[in-house]
Amino acid sequence: MDAALLRPRTAAPIGWLAEQAPAGLDRRWLIESCRAELVWARADWLEITAGRDGWQEACLPHEQAAARLLEIWGLLHPLEHRLGEAIGRLRAQRCAGWDVAATLEDVRGYRRDRRVLWQAFRDAACDYGDQRAKLGWTVSASGCVFQNARTVSNLWRRAS
């Protein structure tokens, strides 16, 4: 980071994050939460440095985990869409009595690729959750973020 920063970078406040990514479906909440983290990171960096670029290098560990999760999601989401289309095409071809060997091979390939990406997505989600927990913010089973008041860093944030 630049030594001329006026103040250190901070994580997104839990209230602001909850407004940006309302609790709901776990996967959708997770994606929106990560997007909000990166929006906060860029805005915070621009405020500190008066508009200079280079905010990606100054990302905090939980923001780096959020970026990794979004990168994997960017690969997984289109693959799931193609898989859905291929399954629909496979059903239509079977009903029409056509040869489905090529489409069936496509479906198998998409499922194989999706399995690998889903594991990477789950790992990235766990890493993001672990990094957020180090800040004293945890994610409940319902997907709602809450702040643990007993964490020393949170006591300092609440006092300031």
N, C-alpha and C. Protein backbone atom coordinates (compact mmCIF):
# COMPACT_ATOMS: atom_id res chain seq x y z
N MET A 1 0.83 -1.18 0.00
CA MET A 1 0.00 0.00 0.00
C MET A 1 0.87 1.24 0.00
N ASP A 2 0.30 2.33 -0.43
CA ASP A 2 1.00 3.60 -0.50
C ASP A 2 1.20 4.17 0.90
N ALA A 3 2.40 4.65 1.18
CA ALA A 3 2.70 5.19 2.51
C ALA A 3 2.03 6.54 2.73
N ALA A 4 1.57 7.17 1.67
CA ALA A 4 0.98 8.50 1.79
C ALA A 4 -0.51 8.46 2.08
N LEU A 5 -1.05 7.30 2.45
CA LEU A 5 -2.47 7.21 2.73
C LEU A 5 -2.81 7.98 3.99
N LEU A 6 -3.94 8.65 3.95
CA LEU A 6 -4.36 9.45 5.09
C LEU A 6 -4.87 8.59 6.24
N ARG A 7 -5.46 7.49 5.93
CA ARG A 7 -5.98 6.57 6.95
C ARG A 7 -5.93 5.16 6.39
N PRO A 8 -5.92 4.16 7.26
CA PRO A 8 -5.88 2.77 6.75
C PRO A 8 -7.22 2.38 6.13
N ARG A 9 -7.17 1.41 5.25
CA ARG A 9 -8.39 0.89 4.63
C ARG A 9 -9.23 0.20 5.68
N THR A 10 -10.54 0.26 5.55
CA THR A 10 -11.45 -0.39 6.48
C THR A 10 -12.37 -1.33 5.71
N ALA A 11 -12.90 -2.29 6.42
CA ALA A 11 -13.87 -3.21 5.83
C ALA A 11 -15.22 -2.50 5.72
N ALA A 12 -16.06 -3.01 4.86
CA ALA A 12 -17.40 -2.46 4.70
C ALA A 12 -18.18 -2.60 6.00
N PRO A 13 -18.86 -1.54 6.45
CA PRO A 13 -19.66 -1.66 7.67
C PRO A 13 -20.79 -2.66 7.48
N ILE A 14 -21.09 -3.40 8.51
CA ILE A 14 -22.09 -4.46 8.41
C ILE A 14 -23.46 -3.93 8.02
N GLY A 15 -23.83 -2.76 8.51
CA GLY A 15 -25.13 -2.19 8.16
C GLY A 15 -25.22 -1.86 6.68
N TRP A 16 -24.17 -1.26 6.15
CA TRP A 16 -24.14 -0.91 4.73
C TRP A 16 -24.17 -2.18 3.89
N LEU A 17 -23.42 -3.19 4.30
CA LEU A 17 -23.37 -4.44 3.56
C LEU A 17 -24.74 -5.11 3.54
N ALA A 18 -25.44 -5.08 4.67
CA ALA A 18 -26.77 -5.69 4.74
C ALA A 18 -27.77 -4.96 3.83
N GLU A 19 -27.60 -3.64 3.69
CA GLU A 19 -28.48 -2.89 2.78
C GLU A 19 -28.22 -3.23 1.33
N GLN A 20 -26.96 -3.48 0.99
CA GLN A 20 -26.57 -3.76 -0.39
C GLN A 20 -26.93 -5.18 -0.81
N ALA A 21 -26.89 -6.10 0.13
CA ALA A 21 -27.16 -7.52 -0.16
C ALA A 21 -28.17 -8.04 0.84
N PRO A 22 -29.46 -7.76 0.62
CA PRO A 22 -30.48 -8.23 1.57
C PRO A 22 -30.46 -9.75 1.68
N ALA A 23 -30.68 -10.24 2.88
CA ALA A 23 -30.67 -11.68 3.12
C ALA A 23 -31.78 -12.34 2.31
N GLY A 24 -31.52 -13.49 1.83
CA GLY A 24 -32.48 -14.23 1.02
C GLY A 24 -31.90 -15.58 0.70
N LEU A 25 -31.89 -15.89 -0.58
CA LEU A 25 -31.30 -17.15 -1.01
C LEU A 25 -29.81 -17.10 -0.75
N ASP A 26 -29.26 -18.18 -0.26
CA ASP A 26 -27.86 -18.21 0.15
C ASP A 26 -26.90 -17.85 -0.97
N ARG A 27 -27.05 -18.47 -2.12
CA ARG A 27 -26.10 -18.21 -3.21
C ARG A 27 -26.24 -16.79 -3.72
N ARG A 28 -27.46 -16.32 -3.93
CA ARG A 28 -27.67 -14.96 -4.41
C ARG A 28 -27.15 -13.95 -3.39
N TRP A 29 -27.41 -14.20 -2.11
CA TRP A 29 -26.92 -13.31 -1.06
C TRP A 29 -25.40 -13.26 -1.06
N LEU A 30 -24.79 -14.41 -1.21
CA LEU A 30 -23.33 -14.49 -1.20
C LEU A 30 -22.73 -13.70 -2.37
N ILE A 31 -23.28 -13.85 -3.54
CA ILE A 31 -22.78 -13.15 -4.72
C ILE A 31 -22.96 -11.64 -4.54
N GLU A 32 -24.13 -11.22 -4.12
CA GLU A 32 -24.37 -9.79 -3.94
C GLU A 32 -23.51 -9.21 -2.81
N SER A 33 -23.29 -10.00 -1.78
CA SER A 33 -22.44 -9.55 -0.68
C SER A 33 -21.01 -9.33 -1.17
N CYS A 34 -20.51 -10.24 -1.97
CA CYS A 34 -19.15 -10.10 -2.51
C CYS A 34 -19.05 -8.91 -3.46
N ARG A 35 -20.07 -8.71 -4.27
CA ARG A 35 -20.07 -7.53 -5.14
C ARG A 35 -20.05 -6.24 -4.32
N ALA A 36 -20.85 -6.22 -3.26
CA ALA A 36 -20.89 -5.04 -2.40
C ALA A 36 -19.54 -4.82 -1.71
N GLU A 37 -18.88 -5.90 -1.32
CA GLU A 37 -17.54 -5.77 -0.71
C GLU A 37 -16.59 -5.06 -1.65
N LEU A 38 -16.61 -5.44 -2.92
CA LEU A 38 -15.69 -4.85 -3.88
C LEU A 38 -16.07 -3.41 -4.23
N VAL A 39 -17.35 -3.12 -4.23
CA VAL A 39 -17.78 -1.73 -4.44
C VAL A 39 -17.26 -0.87 -3.29
N TRP A 40 -17.39 -1.38 -2.07
CA TRP A 40 -16.89 -0.65 -0.90
C TRP A 40 -15.37 -0.46 -0.99
N ALA A 41 -14.67 -1.53 -1.36
CA ALA A 41 -13.21 -1.47 -1.43
C ALA A 41 -12.76 -0.39 -2.41
N ARG A 42 -13.38 -0.34 -3.56
CA ARG A 42 -12.98 0.66 -4.56
C ARG A 42 -13.32 2.06 -4.09
N ALA A 43 -14.51 2.25 -3.55
CA ALA A 43 -14.91 3.57 -3.07
C ALA A 43 -14.01 4.03 -1.92
N ASP A 44 -13.68 3.13 -1.01
CA ASP A 44 -12.82 3.46 0.11
C ASP A 44 -11.43 3.85 -0.40
N TRP A 45 -10.91 3.11 -1.34
CA TRP A 45 -9.59 3.40 -1.90
C TRP A 45 -9.59 4.76 -2.60
N LEU A 46 -10.63 5.04 -3.39
CA LEU A 46 -10.69 6.31 -4.10
C LEU A 46 -10.81 7.48 -3.13
N GLU A 47 -11.51 7.28 -2.03
CA GLU A 47 -11.63 8.33 -1.03
C GLU A 47 -10.29 8.60 -0.34
N ILE A 48 -9.57 7.55 -0.03
CA ILE A 48 -8.29 7.69 0.66
C ILE A 48 -7.24 8.33 -0.24
N THR A 49 -7.20 7.91 -1.50
CA THR A 49 -6.10 8.31 -2.39
C THR A 49 -6.46 9.44 -3.34
N ALA A 50 -7.62 10.03 -3.17
CA ALA A 50 -8.06 11.14 -4.03
C ALA A 50 -8.13 10.73 -5.50
N GLY A 51 -8.60 9.52 -5.75
CA GLY A 51 -8.89 9.09 -7.11
C GLY A 51 -7.82 8.35 -7.85
N ARG A 52 -6.72 8.00 -7.22
CA ARG A 52 -5.68 7.24 -7.93
C ARG A 52 -6.12 5.79 -8.12
N ASP A 53 -5.64 5.19 -9.20
CA ASP A 53 -5.94 3.78 -9.46
C ASP A 53 -5.04 2.89 -8.60
N GLY A 54 -5.31 1.59 -8.66
CA GLY A 54 -4.49 0.63 -7.94
C GLY A 54 -5.19 0.03 -6.74
N TRP A 55 -6.50 0.13 -6.70
CA TRP A 55 -7.22 -0.36 -5.52
C TRP A 55 -7.19 -1.88 -5.42
N GLN A 56 -7.03 -2.60 -6.54
CA GLN A 56 -7.00 -4.06 -6.48
C GLN A 56 -5.83 -4.55 -5.65
N GLU A 57 -4.70 -3.86 -5.73
CA GLU A 57 -3.52 -4.28 -4.97
C GLU A 57 -3.69 -4.01 -3.48
N ALA A 58 -4.57 -3.09 -3.12
CA ALA A 58 -4.77 -2.72 -1.72
C ALA A 58 -5.95 -3.43 -1.07
N CYS A 59 -6.51 -4.42 -1.75
CA CYS A 59 -7.67 -5.12 -1.20
C CYS A 59 -7.28 -5.86 0.07
N LEU A 60 -8.19 -5.83 1.02
CA LEU A 60 -8.01 -6.57 2.26
C LEU A 60 -8.25 -8.06 1.99
N PRO A 61 -7.81 -8.96 2.88
CA PRO A 61 -7.95 -10.40 2.61
C PRO A 61 -9.38 -10.85 2.31
N HIS A 62 -10.36 -10.32 3.04
CA HIS A 62 -11.74 -10.75 2.76
C HIS A 62 -12.23 -10.21 1.42
N GLU A 63 -11.70 -9.07 0.98
CA GLU A 63 -12.06 -8.54 -0.33
C GLU A 63 -11.40 -9.36 -1.44
N GLN A 64 -10.20 -9.84 -1.19
CA GLN A 64 -9.54 -10.72 -2.16
C GLN A 64 -10.33 -12.03 -2.28
N ALA A 65 -10.82 -12.55 -1.15
CA ALA A 65 -11.63 -13.77 -1.18
C ALA A 65 -12.93 -13.52 -1.93
N ALA A 66 -13.52 -12.34 -1.75
CA ALA A 66 -14.75 -12.00 -2.48
C ALA A 66 -14.49 -11.93 -3.98
N ALA A 67 -13.35 -11.37 -4.37
CA ALA A 67 -13.01 -11.29 -5.79
C ALA A 67 -12.81 -12.68 -6.39
N ARG A 68 -12.16 -13.57 -5.64
CA ARG A 68 -11.98 -14.96 -6.13
C ARG A 68 -13.33 -15.64 -6.31
N LEU A 69 -14.22 -15.47 -5.34
CA LEU A 69 -15.53 -16.09 -5.43
C LEU A 69 -16.29 -15.58 -6.65
N LEU A 70 -16.25 -14.28 -6.90
CA LEU A 70 -16.93 -13.73 -8.07
C LEU A 70 -16.30 -14.19 -9.38
N GLU A 71 -15.00 -14.38 -9.37
CA GLU A 71 -14.33 -14.88 -10.58
C GLU A 71 -14.80 -16.31 -10.90
N ILE A 72 -14.90 -17.13 -9.89
CA ILE A 72 -15.38 -18.50 -10.09
C ILE A 72 -16.84 -18.49 -10.52
N TRP A 73 -17.63 -17.61 -9.90
CA TRP A 73 -19.05 -17.51 -10.27
C TRP A 73 -19.18 -17.09 -11.73
N GLY A 74 -18.29 -16.24 -12.20
CA GLY A 74 -18.31 -15.82 -13.60
C GLY A 74 -18.07 -16.97 -14.56
N LEU A 75 -17.39 -18.00 -14.12
CA LEU A 75 -17.19 -19.20 -14.93
C LEU A 75 -18.34 -20.19 -14.75
N LEU A 76 -18.86 -20.28 -13.55
CA LEU A 76 -19.88 -21.29 -13.22
C LEU A 76 -21.25 -20.92 -13.77
N HIS A 77 -21.64 -19.67 -13.66
CA HIS A 77 -23.00 -19.26 -14.05
C HIS A 77 -23.29 -19.52 -15.52
N PRO A 78 -22.43 -19.12 -16.47
CA PRO A 78 -22.73 -19.44 -17.87
C PRO A 78 -22.75 -20.95 -18.15
N LEU A 79 -21.90 -21.68 -17.44
CA LEU A 79 -21.87 -23.13 -17.62
C LEU A 79 -23.20 -23.76 -17.19
N GLU A 80 -23.75 -23.28 -16.08
CA GLU A 80 -25.05 -23.79 -15.65
C GLU A 80 -26.14 -23.46 -16.66
N HIS A 81 -26.06 -22.28 -17.26
CA HIS A 81 -27.03 -21.90 -18.28
C HIS A 81 -26.92 -22.82 -19.50
N ARG A 82 -25.69 -23.07 -19.95
CA ARG A 82 -25.50 -23.98 -21.10
C ARG A 82 -25.97 -25.39 -20.77
N LEU A 83 -25.75 -25.83 -19.54
CA LEU A 83 -26.21 -27.16 -19.13
C LEU A 83 -27.73 -27.24 -19.19
N GLY A 84 -28.39 -26.21 -18.69
CA GLY A 84 -29.86 -26.19 -18.74
C GLY A 84 -30.39 -26.24 -20.17
N GLU A 85 -29.77 -25.48 -21.05
CA GLU A 85 -30.17 -25.50 -22.46
C GLU A 85 -29.92 -26.87 -23.08
N ALA A 86 -28.79 -27.48 -22.76
CA ALA A 86 -28.46 -28.80 -23.34
C ALA A 86 -29.43 -29.86 -22.84
N ILE A 87 -29.83 -29.80 -21.59
CA ILE A 87 -30.80 -30.77 -21.06
C ILE A 87 -32.14 -30.60 -21.76
N GLY A 88 -32.57 -29.34 -21.96
CA GLY A 88 -33.81 -29.10 -22.69
C GLY A 88 -33.74 -29.61 -24.12
N ARG A 89 -32.59 -29.38 -24.78
CA ARG A 89 -32.39 -29.87 -26.14
C ARG A 89 -32.39 -31.39 -26.18
N LEU A 90 -31.77 -32.02 -25.17
CA LEU A 90 -31.72 -33.48 -25.09
C LEU A 90 -33.12 -34.06 -24.98
N ARG A 91 -33.93 -33.47 -24.13
CA ARG A 91 -35.32 -33.96 -23.97
C ARG A 91 -36.11 -33.82 -25.26
N ALA A 92 -35.95 -32.67 -25.92
CA ALA A 92 -36.68 -32.45 -27.18
C ALA A 92 -36.22 -33.44 -28.25
N GLN A 93 -34.93 -33.71 -28.31
CA GLN A 93 -34.42 -34.65 -29.30
C GLN A 93 -34.90 -36.07 -29.01
N ARG A 94 -34.96 -36.44 -27.75
CA ARG A 94 -35.46 -37.78 -27.39
C ARG A 94 -36.93 -37.91 -27.76
N CYS A 95 -37.72 -36.87 -27.49
CA CYS A 95 -39.14 -36.91 -27.85
C CYS A 95 -39.35 -37.01 -29.35
N ALA A 96 -38.45 -36.40 -30.11
CA ALA A 96 -38.55 -36.42 -31.57
C ALA A 96 -37.97 -37.70 -32.16
N GLY A 97 -37.32 -38.52 -31.33
CA GLY A 97 -36.75 -39.76 -31.81
C GLY A 97 -35.43 -39.60 -32.52
N TRP A 98 -34.74 -38.51 -32.30
CA TRP A 98 -33.46 -38.26 -32.94
C TRP A 98 -32.34 -38.95 -32.19
N ASP A 99 -31.18 -38.99 -32.85
CA ASP A 99 -29.97 -39.50 -32.20
C ASP A 99 -29.48 -38.45 -31.21
N VAL A 100 -29.27 -38.84 -29.96
CA VAL A 100 -28.92 -37.89 -28.91
C VAL A 100 -27.49 -38.05 -28.42
N ALA A 101 -26.67 -38.80 -29.13
CA ALA A 101 -25.32 -39.11 -28.65
C ALA A 101 -24.48 -37.84 -28.45
N ALA A 102 -24.50 -36.93 -29.42
CA ALA A 102 -23.68 -35.73 -29.31
C ALA A 102 -24.18 -34.82 -28.19
N THR A 103 -25.49 -34.65 -28.08
CA THR A 103 -26.06 -33.81 -27.03
C THR A 103 -25.82 -34.43 -25.66
N LEU A 104 -25.93 -35.73 -25.56
CA LEU A 104 -25.67 -36.41 -24.31
C LEU A 104 -24.21 -36.23 -23.88
N GLU A 105 -23.30 -36.26 -24.84
CA GLU A 105 -21.89 -36.02 -24.53
C GLU A 105 -21.68 -34.58 -24.05
N ASP A 106 -22.40 -33.63 -24.66
CA ASP A 106 -22.33 -32.24 -24.20
C ASP A 106 -22.79 -32.12 -22.75
N VAL A 107 -23.91 -32.76 -22.43
CA VAL A 107 -24.46 -32.71 -21.06
C VAL A 107 -23.47 -33.31 -20.08
N ARG A 108 -22.88 -34.42 -20.42
CA ARG A 108 -21.89 -35.05 -19.53
C ARG A 108 -20.68 -34.14 -19.31
N GLY A 109 -20.21 -33.51 -20.36
CA GLY A 109 -19.08 -32.59 -20.25
C GLY A 109 -19.42 -31.38 -19.38
N TYR A 110 -20.62 -30.80 -19.58
CA TYR A 110 -21.03 -29.66 -18.77
C TYR A 110 -21.15 -30.05 -17.30
N ARG A 111 -21.70 -31.24 -17.03
CA ARG A 111 -21.83 -31.69 -15.64
C ARG A 111 -20.47 -31.93 -15.00
N ARG A 112 -19.56 -32.48 -15.75
CA ARG A 112 -18.20 -32.72 -15.23
C ARG A 112 -17.53 -31.38 -14.89
N ASP A 113 -17.62 -30.43 -15.81
CA ASP A 113 -17.03 -29.11 -15.57
C ASP A 113 -17.72 -28.40 -14.40
N ARG A 114 -19.04 -28.54 -14.31
CA ARG A 114 -19.79 -27.89 -13.23
C ARG A 114 -19.40 -28.47 -11.88
N ARG A 115 -19.19 -29.77 -11.82
CA ARG A 115 -18.80 -30.40 -10.55
C ARG A 115 -17.48 -29.82 -10.03
N VAL A 116 -16.53 -29.64 -10.93
CA VAL A 116 -15.23 -29.06 -10.55
C VAL A 116 -15.41 -27.61 -10.10
N LEU A 117 -16.17 -26.84 -10.86
CA LEU A 117 -16.36 -25.44 -10.51
C LEU A 117 -17.18 -25.27 -9.23
N TRP A 118 -18.14 -26.15 -9.00
CA TRP A 118 -18.93 -26.06 -7.76
C TRP A 118 -18.05 -26.30 -6.55
N GLN A 119 -17.13 -27.22 -6.66
CA GLN A 119 -16.22 -27.46 -5.53
C GLN A 119 -15.35 -26.23 -5.30
N ALA A 120 -14.86 -25.64 -6.38
CA ALA A 120 -14.06 -24.42 -6.24
C ALA A 120 -14.90 -23.28 -5.67
N PHE A 121 -16.16 -23.19 -6.08
CA PHE A 121 -17.06 -22.15 -5.56
C PHE A 121 -17.29 -22.34 -4.06
N ARG A 122 -17.53 -23.59 -3.65
CA ARG A 122 -17.72 -23.86 -2.22
C ARG A 122 -16.47 -23.53 -1.42
N ASP A 123 -15.31 -23.89 -1.95
CA ASP A 123 -14.06 -23.57 -1.26
C ASP A 123 -13.86 -22.06 -1.14
N ALA A 124 -14.16 -21.33 -2.22
CA ALA A 124 -14.03 -19.87 -2.19
C ALA A 124 -15.03 -19.26 -1.22
N ALA A 125 -16.24 -19.82 -1.16
CA ALA A 125 -17.25 -19.32 -0.22
C ALA A 125 -16.80 -19.56 1.22
N CYS A 126 -16.22 -20.71 1.49
CA CYS A 126 -15.71 -20.99 2.84
C CYS A 126 -14.56 -20.05 3.18
N ASP A 127 -13.68 -19.78 2.22
CA ASP A 127 -12.58 -18.86 2.45
C ASP A 127 -13.11 -17.46 2.74
N TYR A 128 -14.10 -17.03 1.98
CA TYR A 128 -14.71 -15.71 2.22
C TYR A 128 -15.33 -15.66 3.62
N GLY A 129 -16.05 -16.70 3.98
CA GLY A 129 -16.65 -16.75 5.32
C GLY A 129 -15.60 -16.73 6.41
N ASP A 130 -14.51 -17.47 6.21
CA ASP A 130 -13.42 -17.48 7.20
C ASP A 130 -12.77 -16.11 7.33
N GLN A 131 -12.56 -15.44 6.20
CA GLN A 131 -11.95 -14.12 6.23
C GLN A 131 -12.86 -13.10 6.91
N ARG A 132 -14.18 -13.22 6.66
CA ARG A 132 -15.14 -12.32 7.31
C ARG A 132 -15.18 -12.60 8.81
N ALA A 133 -15.07 -13.87 9.18
CA ALA A 133 -15.10 -14.24 10.60
C ALA A 133 -13.89 -13.65 11.34
N LYS A 134 -12.76 -13.53 10.65
CA LYS A 134 -11.59 -12.93 11.28
C LYS A 134 -11.83 -11.46 11.62
N LEU A 135 -12.76 -10.84 10.89
CA LEU A 135 -13.13 -9.46 11.19
C LEU A 135 -14.14 -9.39 12.33
N GLY A 136 -14.64 -10.56 12.73
CA GLY A 136 -15.64 -10.60 13.79
C GLY A 136 -17.06 -10.65 13.26
N TRP A 137 -17.20 -10.74 11.94
CA TRP A 137 -18.52 -10.82 11.34
C TRP A 137 -18.70 -12.23 10.84
N THR A 138 -19.80 -12.84 11.19
CA THR A 138 -20.03 -14.22 10.79
C THR A 138 -21.31 -14.31 9.98
N VAL A 139 -21.46 -15.42 9.29
CA VAL A 139 -22.63 -15.66 8.48
C VAL A 139 -23.41 -16.79 9.12
N SER A 140 -24.69 -16.55 9.39
CA SER A 140 -25.50 -17.58 10.01
C SER A 140 -25.94 -18.59 8.96
N ALA A 141 -26.56 -19.66 9.40
CA ALA A 141 -27.01 -20.71 8.47
C ALA A 141 -28.04 -20.16 7.50
N SER A 142 -28.79 -19.13 7.89
CA SER A 142 -29.81 -18.56 7.01
C SER A 142 -29.21 -17.61 5.98
N GLY A 143 -27.91 -17.32 6.12
CA GLY A 143 -27.28 -16.42 5.18
C GLY A 143 -27.22 -14.98 5.66
N CYS A 144 -27.72 -14.70 6.86
CA CYS A 144 -27.70 -13.34 7.39
C CYS A 144 -26.35 -13.08 8.05
N VAL A 145 -25.81 -11.91 7.79
CA VAL A 145 -24.55 -11.52 8.41
C VAL A 145 -24.86 -10.85 9.74
N PHE A 146 -24.11 -11.18 10.75
CA PHE A 146 -24.25 -10.47 12.01
C PHE A 146 -22.89 -10.25 12.61
N GLN A 147 -22.83 -9.28 13.51
CA GLN A 147 -21.57 -8.87 14.08
C GLN A 147 -21.45 -9.44 15.48
N ASN A 148 -20.30 -10.03 15.77
CA ASN A 148 -20.04 -10.59 17.08
C ASN A 148 -19.45 -9.49 17.96
N ALA A 149 -20.19 -9.04 18.95
CA ALA A 149 -19.77 -7.90 19.77
C ALA A 149 -18.59 -8.24 20.67
N ARG A 150 -18.25 -9.50 20.84
CA ARG A 150 -17.16 -9.87 21.73
C ARG A 150 -15.80 -9.82 21.07
N THR A 151 -15.76 -9.65 19.77
CA THR A 151 -14.49 -9.58 19.08
C THR A 151 -13.86 -8.22 19.35
N VAL A 152 -12.59 -8.20 19.70
CA VAL A 152 -11.91 -6.97 20.09
C VAL A 152 -12.00 -5.93 18.98
N SER A 153 -11.80 -6.34 17.72
CA SER A 153 -11.84 -5.37 16.63
C SER A 153 -13.22 -4.73 16.52
N ASN A 154 -14.26 -5.48 16.84
CA ASN A 154 -15.61 -4.92 16.77
C ASN A 154 -15.87 -3.96 17.91
N LEU A 155 -15.30 -4.24 19.08
CA LEU A 155 -15.47 -3.33 20.20
C LEU A 155 -14.82 -1.99 19.85
N TRP A 156 -13.67 -2.03 19.18
CA TRP A 156 -13.01 -0.79 18.77
C TRP A 156 -13.87 -0.06 17.75
N ARG A 157 -14.43 -0.80 16.78
CA ARG A 157 -15.28 -0.16 15.76
C ARG A 157 -16.52 0.46 16.38
N ARG A 158 -17.12 -0.24 17.34
CA ARG A 158 -18.33 0.31 17.97
C ARG A 158 -18.01 1.56 18.77
N ALA A 159 -16.83 1.63 19.36
CA ALA A 159 -16.47 2.78 20.16
C ALA A 159 -16.13 3.99 19.29
N SER A 160 -15.71 3.73 18.06
CA SER A 160 -15.31 4.86 17.21
C SER A 160 -16.46 5.41 16.40
